[in-house]
Amino acid sequence: MTDSELIQAHGGPTKLAAKLGFSVHRVGNWCKRGIPAAVKLEFPKLFLRKPPKRAARG
């Protein structure tokens, strides 16, 4: 899974930024640049385990 896909699995940049306390702009940049390793290590429950299942749209 790419970092961009991982961000989307967590609800997109806006929701993930709110969870982390970061700006949406910062998290949005990770979609192209990748999530920094330091951030992945700081939040292992979000980034170093199986991502949440996305709800099916009906």
C-alpha atoms as a PDB file:
ATOM      1  CA  MET A   1       0.000   0.000   0.000  1.00  0.00           C
ATOM      2  CA  THR A   2       1.364   3.404  -0.939  1.00  0.00           C
ATOM      3  CA  ASP A   3       1.455   6.307   1.498  1.00  0.00           C
ATOM      4  CA  SER A   4      -1.240   8.047  -0.544  1.00  0.00           C
ATOM      5  CA  GLU A   5      -3.485   4.982  -0.261  1.00  0.00           C
ATOM      6  CA  LEU A   6      -2.750   4.819   3.462  1.00  0.00           C
ATOM      7  CA  ILE A   7      -3.809   8.445   3.882  1.00  0.00           C
ATOM      8  CA  GLN A   8      -7.040   7.731   2.001  1.00  0.00           C
ATOM      9  CA  ALA A   9      -7.666   4.662   4.191  1.00  0.00           C
ATOM     10  CA  HIS A  10      -7.583   6.981   7.207  1.00  0.00           C
ATOM     11  CA  GLY A  11     -10.277   9.210   5.685  1.00  0.00           C
ATOM     12  CA  GLY A  12      -8.146  11.521   3.546  1.00  0.00           C
ATOM     13  CA  PRO A  13      -5.813  14.406   4.370  1.00  0.00           C
ATOM     14  CA  THR A  14      -8.387  16.467   6.282  1.00  0.00           C
ATOM     15  CA  LYS A  15      -9.407  13.708   8.697  1.00  0.00           C
ATOM     16  CA  LEU A  16      -5.856  12.440   9.147  1.00  0.00           C
ATOM     17  CA  ALA A  17      -4.563  15.957   9.814  1.00  0.00           C
ATOM     18  CA  ALA A  18      -7.213  16.387  12.511  1.00  0.00           C
ATOM     19  CA  LYS A  19      -6.204  13.073  14.135  1.00  0.00           C
ATOM     20  CA  LEU A  20      -2.530  14.057  14.163  1.00  0.00           C
ATOM     21  CA  GLY A  21      -2.915  17.744  14.976  1.00  0.00           C
ATOM     22  CA  PHE A  22      -1.128  18.778  11.763  1.00  0.00           C
ATOM     23  CA  SER A  23      -2.213  21.148   9.016  1.00  0.00           C
ATOM     24  CA  VAL A  24      -4.171  19.737   6.094  1.00  0.00           C
ATOM     25  CA  HIS A  25      -1.581  21.244   3.745  1.00  0.00           C
ATOM     26  CA  ARG A  26       1.221  19.294   5.435  1.00  0.00           C
ATOM     27  CA  VAL A  27      -0.633  15.988   5.283  1.00  0.00           C
ATOM     28  CA  GLY A  28      -1.769  16.669   1.714  1.00  0.00           C
ATOM     29  CA  ASN A  29       1.874  17.028   0.660  1.00  0.00           C
ATOM     30  CA  TRP A  30       2.537  13.512   1.912  1.00  0.00           C
ATOM     31  CA  CYS A  31       0.274  12.139  -0.839  1.00  0.00           C
ATOM     32  CA  LYS A  32       3.007  13.030  -3.347  1.00  0.00           C
ATOM     33  CA  ARG A  33       6.154  13.110  -1.192  1.00  0.00           C
ATOM     34  CA  GLY A  34       5.361  10.229   1.145  1.00  0.00           C
ATOM     35  CA  ILE A  35       4.823  10.175   4.877  1.00  0.00           C
ATOM     36  CA  PRO A  36       8.077  11.019   6.688  1.00  0.00           C
ATOM     37  CA  ALA A  37       9.602   8.078   8.555  1.00  0.00           C
ATOM     38  CA  ALA A  38       9.755  10.112  11.762  1.00  0.00           C
ATOM     39  CA  VAL A  39       5.981  10.639  11.626  1.00  0.00           C
ATOM     40  CA  LYS A  40       5.376   6.931  11.003  1.00  0.00           C
ATOM     41  CA  LEU A  41       7.473   6.099  14.055  1.00  0.00           C
ATOM     42  CA  GLU A  42       5.758   8.751  16.177  1.00  0.00           C
ATOM     43  CA  PHE A  43       2.320   7.289  15.354  1.00  0.00           C
ATOM     44  CA  PRO A  44       2.933   3.540  14.921  1.00  0.00           C
ATOM     45  CA  LYS A  45      -0.699   2.592  15.624  1.00  0.00           C
ATOM     46  CA  LEU A  46      -1.770   4.589  12.567  1.00  0.00           C
ATOM     47  CA  PHE A  47       1.032   3.801  10.138  1.00  0.00           C
ATOM     48  CA  LEU A  48       2.830   0.616  11.144  1.00  0.00           C
ATOM     49  CA  ARG A  49      -0.077  -1.785  11.279  1.00  0.00           C
ATOM     50  CA  LYS A  50      -2.845  -2.906   8.974  1.00  0.00           C
ATOM     51  CA  PRO A  51      -4.845   0.134   7.810  1.00  0.00           C
ATOM     52  CA  PRO A  52      -8.536   0.442   8.703  1.00  0.00           C
ATOM     53  CA  LYS A  53     -11.089  -0.947   6.288  1.00  0.00           C
ATOM     54  CA  ARG A  54     -12.911   1.746   4.369  1.00  0.00           C
ATOM     55  CA  ALA A  55     -16.664   1.760   4.600  1.00  0.00           C
ATOM     56  CA  ALA A  56     -18.413   0.637   1.441  1.00  0.00           C
ATOM     57  CA  ARG A  57     -20.355   3.353  -0.349  1.00  0.00           C
ATOM     58  CA  GLY A  58     -23.900   2.471  -1.134  1.00  0.00           C
END
